[in-house]
Amino acid sequence: FTTDTLHLEEHFDSWHGPQPFPFMSLRYETERDHMGELKDFLGLKGEVKLPAKGKKIAGSIGKVSREDRWGRLSDTQKSQLTTTYGGISGKVKAAPDACVWSA
């Protein structure tokens, strides 16, 4: 919890901006609110259909909320994660839910 081994903040910084190709960033939690934008970006003609929201996927154990996962951590683990990922957390929260970046 003390090292950003996957360099998540670096990945975010590298991808969340204009690229030499068309690119769309889309927040998972609000993707259903932006299906029209996603459809247009991908050039799809028909309706985009997703499984029912909250529906358990066959074979999965179901979704555990972020709040529940956070609550299972010790105070030390929470402090370590906040120190390690505090920078990217703020950037992700400040980012728009959907954005098309032009080339």
Protein backbone atom coordinates (compact mmCIF):
# COMPACT_ATOMS: atom_id res chain seq x y z
CA PHE A 1 0.00 0.00 0.00
CA THR A 2 3.02 2.27 0.26
CA THR A 3 4.21 2.21 -3.36
CA ASP A 4 2.33 2.96 -6.59
CA THR A 5 3.79 -0.17 -8.18
CA LEU A 6 1.54 0.06 -11.24
CA HIS A 7 2.28 3.80 -11.68
CA LEU A 8 -1.43 4.54 -11.81
CA GLU A 9 -0.99 8.30 -11.50
CA GLU A 10 1.50 8.28 -14.37
CA HIS A 11 -0.96 6.29 -16.49
CA PHE A 12 -3.75 8.71 -15.67
CA ASP A 13 -1.59 11.73 -16.51
CA SER A 14 -0.45 10.13 -19.78
CA TRP A 15 -3.93 9.21 -20.97
CA HIS A 16 -6.13 11.98 -19.64
CA GLY A 17 -5.42 14.54 -22.31
CA PRO A 18 -5.05 14.93 -26.07
CA GLN A 19 -3.44 12.01 -27.89
CA PRO A 20 -2.15 11.66 -31.45
CA PHE A 21 -5.40 9.77 -32.14
CA PRO A 22 -9.04 10.24 -31.14
CA PHE A 23 -9.56 9.02 -27.57
CA MET A 24 -12.48 8.94 -25.15
CA SER A 25 -12.20 8.77 -21.40
CA LEU A 26 -15.31 7.52 -19.65
CA ARG A 27 -15.93 7.14 -15.92
CA TYR A 28 -17.17 3.62 -15.27
CA GLU A 29 -19.61 4.69 -12.56
CA THR A 30 -21.46 7.05 -14.91
CA GLU A 31 -21.03 5.22 -18.22
CA ARG A 32 -24.76 4.67 -18.58
CA ASP A 33 -25.31 8.43 -18.56
CA HIS A 34 -23.03 8.80 -21.59
CA MET A 35 -24.08 5.98 -23.91
CA GLY A 36 -25.02 8.46 -26.65
CA GLU A 37 -21.57 10.03 -26.56
CA LEU A 38 -19.92 6.60 -26.55
CA LYS A 39 -22.09 5.45 -29.47
CA ASP A 40 -21.20 8.57 -31.46
CA PHE A 41 -17.50 8.25 -30.66
CA LEU A 42 -17.44 4.61 -31.79
CA GLY A 43 -19.55 5.35 -34.86
CA LEU A 44 -22.23 2.85 -33.87
CA LYS A 45 -25.61 3.10 -35.53
CA GLY A 46 -27.79 0.91 -33.32
CA GLU A 47 -28.71 1.21 -29.68
CA VAL A 48 -26.05 0.37 -27.12
CA LYS A 49 -27.45 -2.17 -24.66
CA LEU A 50 -25.79 -3.03 -21.38
CA PRO A 51 -26.80 -5.67 -18.83
CA ALA A 52 -29.23 -4.44 -16.19
CA LYS A 53 -27.53 -2.15 -13.71
CA GLY A 54 -26.53 -3.99 -10.56
CA LYS A 55 -27.21 -7.39 -12.11
CA LYS A 56 -24.80 -10.05 -10.93
CA ILE A 57 -22.73 -11.51 -13.75
CA ALA A 58 -22.98 -15.30 -13.99
CA GLY A 59 -20.14 -16.95 -12.09
CA SER A 60 -19.19 -13.83 -10.11
CA ILE A 61 -19.51 -13.41 -6.36
CA GLY A 62 -21.21 -10.08 -6.87
CA LYS A 63 -20.08 -6.52 -6.40
CA VAL A 64 -18.57 -5.29 -3.16
CA SER A 65 -18.97 -1.53 -2.80
CA ARG A 66 -15.93 0.70 -2.45
CA GLU A 67 -17.24 1.80 0.93
CA ASP A 68 -17.41 -1.82 2.13
CA ARG A 69 -13.91 -2.57 0.85
CA TRP A 70 -12.55 0.63 2.44
CA GLY A 71 -14.26 -0.26 5.72
CA ARG A 72 -12.47 -3.61 5.84
CA LEU A 73 -9.04 -1.95 5.89
CA SER A 74 -7.13 -1.10 9.04
CA ASP A 75 -6.44 2.54 9.90
CA THR A 76 -2.79 1.97 8.96
CA GLN A 77 -3.75 0.61 5.54
CA LYS A 78 -6.12 3.52 4.94
CA SER A 79 -3.39 6.00 5.83
CA GLN A 80 -0.90 4.26 3.54
CA LEU A 81 -3.33 4.24 0.62
CA THR A 82 -4.23 7.88 1.15
CA THR A 83 -0.54 8.82 1.15
CA THR A 84 0.25 6.69 -1.91
CA TYR A 85 -2.80 7.49 -4.02
CA GLY A 86 -4.00 10.85 -2.69
CA GLY A 87 -2.70 12.67 -5.78
CA ILE A 88 -4.46 10.49 -8.33
CA SER A 89 -7.60 10.34 -6.21
CA GLY A 90 -8.03 14.10 -6.50
CA LYS A 91 -7.33 14.05 -10.22
CA VAL A 92 -9.88 11.30 -10.87
CA LYS A 93 -12.54 13.07 -8.79
CA ALA A 94 -11.92 16.33 -10.68
CA ALA A 95 -11.98 14.71 -14.13
CA PRO A 96 -15.14 14.94 -16.25
CA ASP A 97 -17.32 11.84 -16.39
CA ALA A 98 -16.85 11.65 -20.17
CA CYS A 99 -14.51 13.45 -22.50
CA VAL A 100 -13.54 12.99 -26.15
CA TRP A 101 -9.98 14.05 -26.81
CA SER A 102 -9.34 15.05 -30.42
CA ALA A 103 -6.16 14.11 -32.19
